[in-house]
N, C-alpha and C. Protein backbone atom coordinates (compact mmCIF):
# COMPACT_ATOMS: atom_id res chain seq x y z
N MET A 1 -0.66 -10.82 12.00
CA MET A 1 -0.83 -11.53 10.58
C MET A 1 -2.19 -11.27 10.06
N LEU A 2 -2.47 -10.74 8.95
CA LEU A 2 -3.43 -10.84 8.44
C LEU A 2 -3.75 -11.97 7.25
N GLN A 3 -5.05 -12.31 7.25
CA GLN A 3 -5.66 -13.32 6.06
C GLN A 3 -6.64 -12.77 5.32
N THR A 4 -6.41 -13.40 3.99
CA THR A 4 -7.74 -13.25 3.10
C THR A 4 -7.73 -14.65 2.62
N PRO A 5 -8.72 -14.88 1.71
CA PRO A 5 -9.10 -16.05 0.89
C PRO A 5 -7.53 -16.52 0.27
N ARG A 6 -7.08 -15.70 -0.25
CA ARG A 6 -5.78 -16.11 -1.11
C ARG A 6 -4.29 -15.59 -0.72
N LEU A 7 -4.58 -14.90 0.19
CA LEU A 7 -2.97 -14.26 0.97
C LEU A 7 -2.85 -14.30 2.21
N SER A 8 -1.74 -14.26 2.72
CA SER A 8 -1.01 -14.17 3.85
C SER A 8 -0.46 -12.81 4.09
N LEU A 9 -1.13 -11.71 4.89
CA LEU A 9 -0.05 -10.34 4.91
C LEU A 9 0.64 -10.49 6.74
N ARG A 10 1.78 -10.42 5.86
CA ARG A 10 2.71 -10.54 7.18
C ARG A 10 3.29 -9.10 7.65
N PRO A 11 3.38 -8.98 8.85
CA PRO A 11 4.13 -7.80 9.25
C PRO A 11 5.85 -7.68 8.29
N LEU A 12 6.07 -6.87 7.96
CA LEU A 12 7.36 -6.47 7.50
C LEU A 12 8.60 -6.87 8.47
N GLN A 13 9.64 -7.45 7.97
CA GLN A 13 10.71 -7.59 8.67
C GLN A 13 12.00 -6.96 7.78
N LEU A 14 13.10 -7.04 8.34
CA LEU A 14 14.22 -6.34 7.54
C LEU A 14 14.56 -7.35 6.73
N ALA A 15 14.63 -8.63 7.11
CA ALA A 15 15.04 -9.87 5.93
C ALA A 15 14.26 -9.87 4.82
N ASP A 16 12.99 -9.29 4.78
CA ASP A 16 12.17 -9.31 3.73
C ASP A 16 12.79 -8.48 2.27
N ALA A 17 13.71 -7.47 2.70
CA ALA A 17 14.56 -6.55 1.84
C ALA A 17 15.30 -7.61 0.67
N ILE A 18 15.57 -8.65 0.99
CA ILE A 18 16.38 -9.28 -0.21
C ILE A 18 15.23 -9.69 -1.31
N GLN A 19 14.05 -10.13 -0.90
CA GLN A 19 13.08 -10.61 -1.63
C GLN A 19 12.72 -9.32 -2.62
N VAL A 20 12.37 -8.29 -1.71
CA VAL A 20 11.82 -7.15 -2.22
C VAL A 20 12.30 -6.45 -3.15
N GLN A 21 13.76 -6.23 -3.08
CA GLN A 21 14.59 -5.44 -3.78
C GLN A 21 14.43 -5.45 -5.35
N PRO A 22 14.42 -6.87 -6.05
CA PRO A 22 14.52 -6.88 -7.38
C PRO A 22 13.20 -6.93 -8.18
N ILE A 23 12.24 -7.05 -6.95
CA ILE A 23 10.95 -6.85 -7.71
C ILE A 23 10.32 -5.42 -7.61
N PHE A 24 10.81 -4.76 -6.61
CA PHE A 24 10.14 -3.24 -6.47
C PHE A 24 11.09 -2.24 -7.05
N ALA A 25 12.52 -2.25 -7.62
CA ALA A 25 13.28 -1.47 -8.33
C ALA A 25 12.75 -1.59 -9.82
N GLN A 26 11.60 -1.23 -10.06
CA GLN A 26 11.04 -1.17 -11.47
C GLN A 26 10.25 0.23 -11.72
N TRP A 27 10.70 0.67 -12.80
CA TRP A 27 9.69 1.93 -13.25
C TRP A 27 8.30 1.96 -12.99
N GLU A 28 7.75 0.59 -13.67
CA GLU A 28 6.27 0.72 -13.55
C GLU A 28 5.99 -0.09 -12.05
N ILE A 29 6.54 -0.13 -11.40
CA ILE A 29 6.19 -0.25 -10.04
C ILE A 29 5.91 1.14 -9.21
N VAL A 30 7.27 1.86 -9.28
CA VAL A 30 7.72 3.04 -8.31
C VAL A 30 6.88 4.41 -9.09
N LYS A 31 6.72 4.29 -10.61
CA LYS A 31 6.30 5.91 -11.06
C LYS A 31 5.21 6.55 -10.35
N HIS A 32 4.09 5.93 -9.48
CA HIS A 32 3.24 6.49 -9.05
C HIS A 32 3.13 6.71 -7.49
N LEU A 33 4.60 6.20 -7.16
CA LEU A 33 4.64 6.35 -5.72
C LEU A 33 5.41 7.59 -5.31
N ASN A 34 5.29 7.84 -4.04
CA ASN A 34 5.69 9.55 -3.66
C ASN A 34 7.14 9.64 -3.76
N THR A 35 7.67 10.77 -3.71
CA THR A 35 8.96 10.99 -3.94
C THR A 35 10.25 10.63 -2.81
N LYS A 36 9.74 9.72 -1.89
CA LYS A 36 10.43 9.59 -0.80
C LYS A 36 11.28 8.44 -1.48
N VAL A 37 10.69 7.69 -2.77
CA VAL A 37 11.39 6.46 -3.34
C VAL A 37 12.13 7.32 -4.36
N PRO A 38 13.70 7.21 -4.13
CA PRO A 38 14.49 7.82 -5.14
C PRO A 38 14.74 7.00 -6.27
N TRP A 39 14.82 7.43 -7.55
CA TRP A 39 15.12 6.84 -8.75
C TRP A 39 16.17 7.96 -9.42
N PRO A 40 17.05 7.13 -10.11
CA PRO A 40 17.26 5.56 -10.11
C PRO A 40 17.30 4.86 -8.41
N PHE A 41 16.46 3.84 -8.29
CA PHE A 41 16.49 3.07 -7.26
C PHE A 41 18.15 2.55 -6.96
N PRO A 42 18.44 2.85 -5.69
CA PRO A 42 19.87 2.06 -5.19
C PRO A 42 19.74 1.00 -4.86
N ASP A 43 20.96 0.08 -5.32
CA ASP A 43 20.84 -1.17 -5.13
C ASP A 43 20.38 -1.78 -3.40
N ASP A 44 20.66 -1.04 -2.41
CA ASP A 44 20.21 -1.20 -0.95
C ASP A 44 19.19 -0.34 -0.65
N GLY A 45 18.28 0.02 -1.79
CA GLY A 45 17.09 1.12 -1.27
C GLY A 45 16.26 0.65 -0.41
N VAL A 46 15.83 -0.66 -0.72
CA VAL A 46 14.88 -1.48 0.26
C VAL A 46 15.18 -1.57 1.52
N HIS A 47 16.46 -2.29 1.78
CA HIS A 47 17.05 -2.23 3.09
C HIS A 47 17.23 -1.19 3.74
N THR A 48 17.56 -0.19 2.90
CA THR A 48 17.55 1.34 3.80
C THR A 48 16.76 1.79 4.11
N PHE A 49 15.55 1.88 3.32
CA PHE A 49 14.33 2.26 3.66
C PHE A 49 13.48 1.49 5.05
N TYR A 50 13.58 0.09 4.86
CA TYR A 50 13.15 -0.65 5.86
C TYR A 50 13.83 -0.52 7.19
N ARG A 51 15.16 -0.48 7.05
CA ARG A 51 16.05 -0.18 8.40
C ARG A 51 15.58 1.13 9.11
N ASP A 52 15.97 2.17 8.20
CA ASP A 52 15.96 3.74 8.84
C ASP A 52 14.48 4.32 8.67
N ASN A 53 13.48 3.79 8.03
CA ASN A 53 12.23 4.45 7.92
C ASN A 53 10.95 3.45 8.70
N ALA A 54 10.74 2.54 7.75
CA ALA A 54 9.59 1.69 7.87
C ALA A 54 9.86 1.11 9.40
N LEU A 55 10.70 0.22 9.61
CA LEU A 55 10.98 -0.43 11.10
C LEU A 55 10.63 0.49 12.35
N PRO A 56 11.44 1.87 12.27
CA PRO A 56 11.15 2.75 13.35
C PRO A 56 9.84 3.24 13.56
N ALA A 57 9.15 3.34 12.24
CA ALA A 57 7.45 3.65 12.28
C ALA A 57 6.70 2.77 13.01
N ILE A 58 7.07 1.48 12.56
CA ILE A 58 6.45 0.24 13.14
C ILE A 58 6.55 0.57 14.59
N GLU A 59 7.93 0.55 15.22
CA GLU A 59 8.22 0.39 16.43
C GLU A 59 7.39 1.49 17.39
N ARG A 60 7.19 2.72 16.69
CA ARG A 60 6.64 3.70 17.44
C ARG A 60 5.20 3.40 17.54
N GLY A 61 4.74 2.46 16.63
CA GLY A 61 3.06 2.58 16.40
C GLY A 61 2.60 3.35 15.56
N ASP A 62 3.25 4.01 14.82
CA ASP A 62 2.85 4.95 13.73
C ASP A 62 2.61 4.68 12.54
N GLU A 63 3.16 3.21 12.09
CA GLU A 63 2.84 2.78 10.70
C GLU A 63 2.67 1.30 10.66
N PHE A 64 1.86 0.55 10.11
CA PHE A 64 2.03 -0.76 9.66
C PHE A 64 2.23 -1.32 8.27
N HIS A 65 3.22 -2.21 8.02
CA HIS A 65 3.64 -2.74 6.79
C HIS A 65 3.37 -3.97 6.75
N PHE A 66 2.59 -4.56 5.83
CA PHE A 66 2.21 -5.99 5.52
C PHE A 66 2.80 -6.52 4.08
N MET A 67 3.36 -7.11 4.27
CA MET A 67 4.18 -8.17 2.95
C MET A 67 2.82 -9.26 2.64
N LEU A 68 2.95 -9.19 1.11
CA LEU A 68 1.73 -9.94 0.63
C LEU A 68 2.69 -11.22 0.14
N ARG A 69 1.87 -12.35 0.53
CA ARG A 69 2.37 -13.65 0.33
C ARG A 69 1.04 -14.62 -0.42
N LEU A 70 1.26 -15.32 -1.35
CA LEU A 70 -0.10 -16.25 -1.78
C LEU A 70 0.12 -17.37 -0.81
N LYS A 71 -1.19 -17.71 -0.35
CA LYS A 71 -1.16 -18.66 0.47
C LYS A 71 -0.81 -20.22 0.05
N ASP A 72 -0.89 -20.33 -1.27
CA ASP A 72 -0.74 -21.69 -1.78
C ASP A 72 0.55 -21.82 -2.47
N ASP A 73 1.67 -20.96 -2.21
CA ASP A 73 2.93 -21.08 -2.69
C ASP A 73 3.87 -21.49 -1.59
N PRO A 74 4.34 -22.73 -1.81
CA PRO A 74 5.07 -23.08 -0.68
C PRO A 74 6.10 -22.57 -0.06
N HIS A 75 6.63 -21.59 -1.23
CA HIS A 75 8.00 -20.76 -0.82
C HIS A 75 7.35 -19.64 -0.16
N GLN A 76 6.33 -18.97 -0.18
CA GLN A 76 5.71 -17.89 0.51
C GLN A 76 6.53 -16.71 0.04
N LYS A 77 6.83 -16.80 -1.46
CA LYS A 77 7.44 -15.45 -1.92
C LYS A 77 6.73 -14.19 -1.77
N ILE A 78 7.22 -13.07 -1.29
CA ILE A 78 6.80 -12.07 -1.34
C ILE A 78 6.26 -11.37 -2.74
N ILE A 79 4.96 -10.78 -2.93
CA ILE A 79 4.42 -10.51 -4.24
C ILE A 79 4.25 -8.83 -3.99
N GLY A 80 4.42 -8.61 -2.69
CA GLY A 80 3.71 -6.58 -2.95
C GLY A 80 3.58 -6.67 -1.29
N SER A 81 3.15 -5.13 -1.30
CA SER A 81 3.33 -4.53 0.05
C SER A 81 2.10 -3.70 0.33
N ILE A 82 1.58 -3.60 1.33
CA ILE A 82 0.69 -2.71 1.68
C ILE A 82 1.05 -1.87 3.14
N ASN A 83 0.58 -0.78 3.25
CA ASN A 83 0.82 -0.27 4.30
C ASN A 83 -0.26 0.83 5.20
N LEU A 84 -0.36 1.00 6.22
CA LEU A 84 -1.29 2.16 6.94
C LEU A 84 -0.33 3.15 7.62
N ARG A 85 -0.64 4.20 7.45
CA ARG A 85 0.11 5.50 8.51
C ARG A 85 -0.92 6.00 9.02
N LEU A 86 -0.72 6.28 10.60
CA LEU A 86 -1.69 6.67 11.51
C LEU A 86 -1.55 8.44 11.49
N HIS A 87 -0.38 8.55 11.41
CA HIS A 87 -0.58 10.22 11.56
C HIS A 87 -0.32 11.29 10.25
N GLU A 88 -0.79 10.89 9.03
CA GLU A 88 -0.68 11.34 7.85
C GLU A 88 -1.96 11.46 7.29
N GLU A 89 -1.93 12.32 6.18
CA GLU A 89 -3.36 12.73 5.64
C GLU A 89 -3.38 11.54 4.45
N ASP A 90 -2.31 10.93 4.15
CA ASP A 90 -2.45 9.77 3.08
C ASP A 90 -2.26 8.37 3.98
N HIS A 91 -3.33 7.69 4.35
CA HIS A 91 -3.25 6.77 5.07
C HIS A 91 -2.85 5.61 4.60
N ARG A 92 -3.13 5.21 3.29
CA ARG A 92 -2.83 3.72 2.72
C ARG A 92 -2.05 3.78 1.62
N GLY A 93 -1.03 2.94 1.49
CA GLY A 93 -0.10 2.96 0.01
C GLY A 93 0.21 1.34 -0.04
N PHE A 94 0.13 1.04 -1.30
CA PHE A 94 0.50 -0.23 -1.59
C PHE A 94 1.38 -0.29 -3.17
N TRP A 95 1.77 -1.31 -3.35
CA TRP A 95 2.33 -1.83 -4.52
C TRP A 95 2.28 -3.31 -4.69
N ILE A 96 2.43 -4.04 -5.76
CA ILE A 96 2.34 -5.41 -5.95
C ILE A 96 3.23 -5.53 -7.35
N ALA A 97 3.91 -6.87 -7.47
CA ALA A 97 4.78 -7.14 -8.47
C ALA A 97 4.01 -7.09 -9.79
N ARG A 98 4.66 -7.00 -11.10
CA ARG A 98 3.84 -6.60 -12.14
C ARG A 98 2.93 -8.07 -12.65
N GLU A 99 3.71 -9.19 -12.33
CA GLU A 99 3.37 -10.54 -12.94
C GLU A 99 2.03 -10.82 -11.96
N TRP A 100 1.91 -10.08 -10.97
CA TRP A 100 0.40 -10.31 -10.23
C TRP A 100 -0.49 -9.39 -10.03
N GLN A 101 -0.40 -8.41 -10.87
CA GLN A 101 -1.14 -7.42 -11.19
C GLN A 101 -2.27 -7.65 -12.12
N GLY A 102 -3.58 -7.28 -11.92
CA GLY A 102 -4.82 -7.61 -12.81
C GLY A 102 -5.34 -9.16 -12.25
N HIS A 103 -5.06 -9.45 -10.98
CA HIS A 103 -5.71 -10.84 -10.52
C HIS A 103 -6.64 -10.54 -9.61
N GLY A 104 -6.59 -9.23 -9.02
CA GLY A 104 -7.67 -8.72 -7.73
C GLY A 104 -7.02 -8.99 -6.37
N LEU A 105 -5.81 -9.49 -6.28
CA LEU A 105 -5.14 -9.70 -5.11
C LEU A 105 -5.06 -8.28 -4.24
N MET A 106 -4.33 -7.25 -4.99
CA MET A 106 -4.37 -5.93 -4.13
C MET A 106 -5.89 -5.54 -3.60
N THR A 107 -6.98 -5.71 -4.47
CA THR A 107 -8.22 -5.63 -4.00
C THR A 107 -8.33 -6.23 -2.74
N GLU A 108 -8.23 -7.55 -3.00
CA GLU A 108 -8.39 -8.41 -1.55
C GLU A 108 -7.37 -7.90 -0.47
N ALA A 109 -6.36 -7.66 -0.51
CA ALA A 109 -5.48 -7.12 0.42
C ALA A 109 -5.95 -5.63 0.93
N ALA A 110 -6.50 -4.76 -0.11
CA ALA A 110 -6.86 -3.47 0.68
C ALA A 110 -8.28 -3.73 1.37
N ALA A 111 -8.97 -4.72 1.00
CA ALA A 111 -10.47 -5.00 2.00
C ALA A 111 -9.89 -5.31 3.36
N GLU A 112 -9.01 -6.29 3.58
CA GLU A 112 -8.72 -6.99 4.71
C GLU A 112 -7.89 -5.63 5.35
N VAL A 113 -7.08 -5.01 4.87
CA VAL A 113 -6.27 -3.70 5.69
C VAL A 113 -7.26 -2.73 5.92
N THR A 114 -8.09 -2.48 4.86
CA THR A 114 -9.11 -1.39 5.41
C THR A 114 -10.23 -2.01 6.49
N ARG A 115 -10.25 -3.25 6.71
CA ARG A 115 -11.06 -3.93 7.92
C ARG A 115 -10.04 -3.62 9.13
N PHE A 116 -8.85 -3.95 9.24
CA PHE A 116 -8.05 -3.85 9.99
C PHE A 116 -8.00 -2.13 10.44
N TRP A 117 -7.93 -1.29 9.65
CA TRP A 117 -8.03 0.22 9.80
C TRP A 117 -9.32 0.78 10.70
N PHE A 118 -10.50 0.19 10.33
CA PHE A 118 -11.56 0.46 10.76
C PHE A 118 -11.88 -0.40 12.23
N GLU A 119 -12.07 -1.56 12.02
CA GLU A 119 -12.14 -2.37 13.42
C GLU A 119 -11.28 -2.59 14.37
N ASP A 120 -9.93 -2.78 14.27
CA ASP A 120 -9.19 -2.94 14.95
C ASP A 120 -8.20 -1.76 15.55
N LEU A 121 -7.87 -0.92 14.61
CA LEU A 121 -7.52 0.44 14.96
C LEU A 121 -8.36 1.48 15.42
N LYS A 122 -9.78 1.28 14.74
CA LYS A 122 -10.82 1.98 15.44
C LYS A 122 -10.56 3.69 14.92
N GLN A 123 -10.12 3.53 13.37
CA GLN A 123 -9.97 5.07 12.89
C GLN A 123 -11.22 5.32 12.42
N PRO A 124 -11.55 6.51 12.54
CA PRO A 124 -12.88 7.00 12.07
C PRO A 124 -12.96 7.41 10.35
N ILE A 125 -11.69 7.37 9.77
CA ILE A 125 -11.82 7.78 8.35
C ILE A 125 -10.49 7.33 7.70
N LEU A 126 -10.52 6.95 6.53
CA LEU A 126 -9.61 6.46 5.50
C LEU A 126 -9.26 7.32 4.53
N ARG A 127 -8.19 7.97 4.39
CA ARG A 127 -8.09 9.00 3.05
C ARG A 127 -6.63 8.61 2.43
N VAL A 128 -6.84 8.46 0.97
CA VAL A 128 -5.64 8.11 0.17
C VAL A 128 -5.57 9.30 -1.01
N LYS A 129 -4.51 9.27 -1.20
CA LYS A 129 -4.15 10.00 -2.30
C LYS A 129 -3.51 9.42 -3.36
N LYS A 130 -3.62 9.67 -4.79
CA LYS A 130 -3.24 8.68 -5.88
C LYS A 130 -2.93 9.80 -7.19
N ALA A 131 -2.12 9.35 -7.85
CA ALA A 131 -1.98 10.19 -9.26
C ALA A 131 -3.33 9.68 -10.00
N ARG A 132 -3.91 10.70 -10.77
CA ARG A 132 -4.95 10.54 -11.58
C ARG A 132 -4.83 9.58 -12.69
N ASP A 133 -3.60 9.43 -13.04
CA ASP A 133 -3.50 8.60 -14.33
C ASP A 133 -2.93 7.18 -13.56
N ASN A 134 -3.52 6.73 -12.52
CA ASN A 134 -3.24 5.35 -12.11
C ASN A 134 -4.38 4.72 -11.69
N PRO A 135 -4.96 4.11 -13.09
CA PRO A 135 -6.27 3.59 -13.02
C PRO A 135 -6.43 2.21 -11.98
N ALA A 136 -5.30 1.60 -11.92
CA ALA A 136 -5.64 0.22 -11.12
C ALA A 136 -6.00 0.79 -9.75
N SER A 137 -5.07 1.46 -9.08
CA SER A 137 -5.67 2.01 -7.82
C SER A 137 -6.59 3.08 -7.74
N ARG A 138 -7.16 3.65 -8.53
CA ARG A 138 -8.50 4.23 -8.70
C ARG A 138 -9.51 3.20 -8.66
N ALA A 139 -9.54 2.09 -9.51
CA ALA A 139 -10.38 1.28 -9.42
C ALA A 139 -10.53 0.52 -8.06
N ILE A 140 -9.49 0.36 -7.23
CA ILE A 140 -9.65 -0.52 -6.06
C ILE A 140 -10.14 0.60 -4.78
N SER A 141 -10.22 1.73 -5.26
CA SER A 141 -10.78 2.85 -4.50
C SER A 141 -12.30 2.87 -4.60
N LEU A 142 -12.67 2.79 -5.95
CA LEU A 142 -14.09 2.81 -5.99
C LEU A 142 -14.65 1.41 -5.71
N ARG A 143 -14.04 0.29 -5.86
CA ARG A 143 -14.67 -1.07 -5.31
C ARG A 143 -14.90 -0.98 -3.77
N GLN A 144 -14.07 -0.14 -3.03
CA GLN A 144 -14.31 0.18 -1.84
C GLN A 144 -15.18 0.90 -1.41
N GLY A 145 -15.75 1.79 -2.27
CA GLY A 145 -16.80 2.53 -1.90
C GLY A 145 -16.47 3.89 -1.64
N MET A 146 -15.22 4.29 -1.75
CA MET A 146 -14.53 5.38 -1.32
C MET A 146 -15.20 6.80 -2.31
N ARG A 147 -14.93 7.92 -1.93
CA ARG A 147 -15.35 9.03 -2.65
C ARG A 147 -14.06 9.85 -2.85
N ARG A 148 -14.01 10.54 -3.87
CA ARG A 148 -13.28 11.31 -4.33
C ARG A 148 -13.49 12.88 -3.98
N ILE A 149 -12.67 13.47 -3.18
CA ILE A 149 -13.03 14.54 -2.25
C ILE A 149 -12.37 15.95 -2.61
N ALA A 150 -11.18 15.85 -3.52
CA ALA A 150 -10.29 16.53 -4.05
C ALA A 150 -9.58 16.29 -4.83
N GLU A 151 -9.49 17.34 -6.10
CA GLU A 151 -8.45 17.18 -7.12
C GLU A 151 -7.19 18.26 -6.64
N LEU A 152 -6.04 17.53 -6.86
CA LEU A 152 -4.50 18.61 -6.41
C LEU A 152 -3.68 18.00 -7.29
N GLU A 153 -2.82 18.36 -7.02
CA GLU A 153 -1.27 18.31 -7.62
C GLU A 153 -0.54 17.54 -6.50
N GLY A 154 0.45 16.62 -7.31
CA GLY A 154 0.98 15.56 -6.15
C GLY A 154 2.76 15.36 -6.59
N ASP A 155 3.52 15.30 -5.93
CA ASP A 155 4.81 15.00 -6.45
C ASP A 155 5.09 13.51 -6.31
N TYR A 156 5.42 12.79 -7.54
CA TYR A 156 5.75 11.36 -7.52
C TYR A 156 6.91 11.23 -8.32
N VAL A 157 7.49 10.14 -8.01
CA VAL A 157 8.46 9.41 -8.84
C VAL A 157 8.78 9.79 -10.16
N SER A 158 7.43 9.89 -10.98
CA SER A 158 7.55 10.18 -12.29
C SER A 158 7.54 11.86 -12.28
N GLY A 159 7.34 12.59 -11.17
CA GLY A 159 7.09 14.10 -11.54
C GLY A 159 5.83 14.40 -10.77
N ARG A 160 5.69 15.79 -11.01
CA ARG A 160 4.73 16.34 -10.57
C ARG A 160 3.21 16.29 -11.32
N LEU A 161 2.24 15.53 -10.84
CA LEU A 161 1.15 14.90 -11.56
C LEU A 161 -0.18 15.53 -11.12
N PRO A 162 -1.20 15.56 -11.83
CA PRO A 162 -2.51 15.32 -11.16
C PRO A 162 -3.07 14.69 -10.34
N SER A 163 -3.27 14.95 -9.34
CA SER A 163 -3.74 13.79 -8.31
C SER A 163 -5.28 13.99 -7.46
N GLU A 164 -5.75 12.85 -6.97
CA GLU A 164 -6.97 12.76 -6.22
C GLU A 164 -6.76 12.33 -4.78
N ARG A 165 -7.47 13.00 -4.01
CA ARG A 165 -7.71 12.46 -2.65
C ARG A 165 -9.13 11.92 -2.63
N TRP A 166 -9.10 10.87 -2.09
CA TRP A 166 -10.31 9.64 -1.78
C TRP A 166 -10.33 9.76 -0.27
N GLU A 167 -11.35 9.42 0.03
CA GLU A 167 -12.15 9.36 1.47
C GLU A 167 -13.30 7.98 1.48
N LEU A 168 -13.16 7.55 3.17
CA LEU A 168 -14.06 6.48 3.15
C LEU A 168 -14.22 6.68 4.67
N THR A 169 -15.44 6.90 5.30
CA THR A 169 -15.63 6.86 6.77
C THR A 169 -15.92 5.40 7.09
N ALA A 170 -15.73 5.31 8.43
CA ALA A 170 -16.04 4.09 9.09
C ALA A 170 -17.54 3.72 8.80
N GLU A 171 -18.29 4.84 9.08
CA GLU A 171 -19.76 4.50 8.97
C GLU A 171 -19.87 4.11 7.54
N GLU A 172 -19.42 4.75 6.27
CA GLU A 172 -19.80 4.14 5.25
C GLU A 172 -19.16 2.65 4.78
N TRP A 173 -18.07 2.65 5.38
CA TRP A 173 -17.52 1.25 5.24
C TRP A 173 -18.42 0.11 6.00
N ARG A 174 -18.98 0.52 7.07
CA ARG A 174 -19.55 -0.52 7.95
C ARG A 174 -21.26 -0.65 6.95
N ALA A 175 -21.81 0.34 6.42
CA ALA A 175 -22.83 0.45 5.73
C ALA A 175 -22.86 -0.69 4.55
N ARG A 176 -21.55 -0.77 3.70
CA ARG A 176 -21.39 -1.46 2.87
C ARG A 176 -21.04 -2.91 3.21
N ARG A 177 -20.95 -3.21 4.18
CA ARG A 177 -20.22 -4.87 4.63
C ARG A 177 -21.75 -5.34 4.77
């Protein structure tokens, strides 16, 4: 489990699917995610993805998925998720429920997960790909000191879009700390 001043980042469990399904299955949440996310989103989509994809990848040690919960919420409701993927060119992905967007919570979660990537997992470089028209995700990359290294096209739930690849090395990250 990872901690930030306001969040607990707990490893994903299959039981989390019940809470996640209604908040994830919204166009504004999924439109800039990759095409692995089906749309329209099926009623059992989160459960199926966790069972068939995320949990097996976690067990293999290829991925790390964390569920975001507010520390001061006595019910510890899930408000979002952030993940890391070791063996892909796009290492990090995230989403947060609409009512929690704009409060700096994903920036906080991304900072801790980036620390985990470089310090605990000893990875030399963090790369992310994002739709160019996703200003909130872009802002998180800028705050972390990432550099845009390429412009490309990408396939998202909303279609083929102009995209950007961003990068941060362990040395750059340590110099900013």
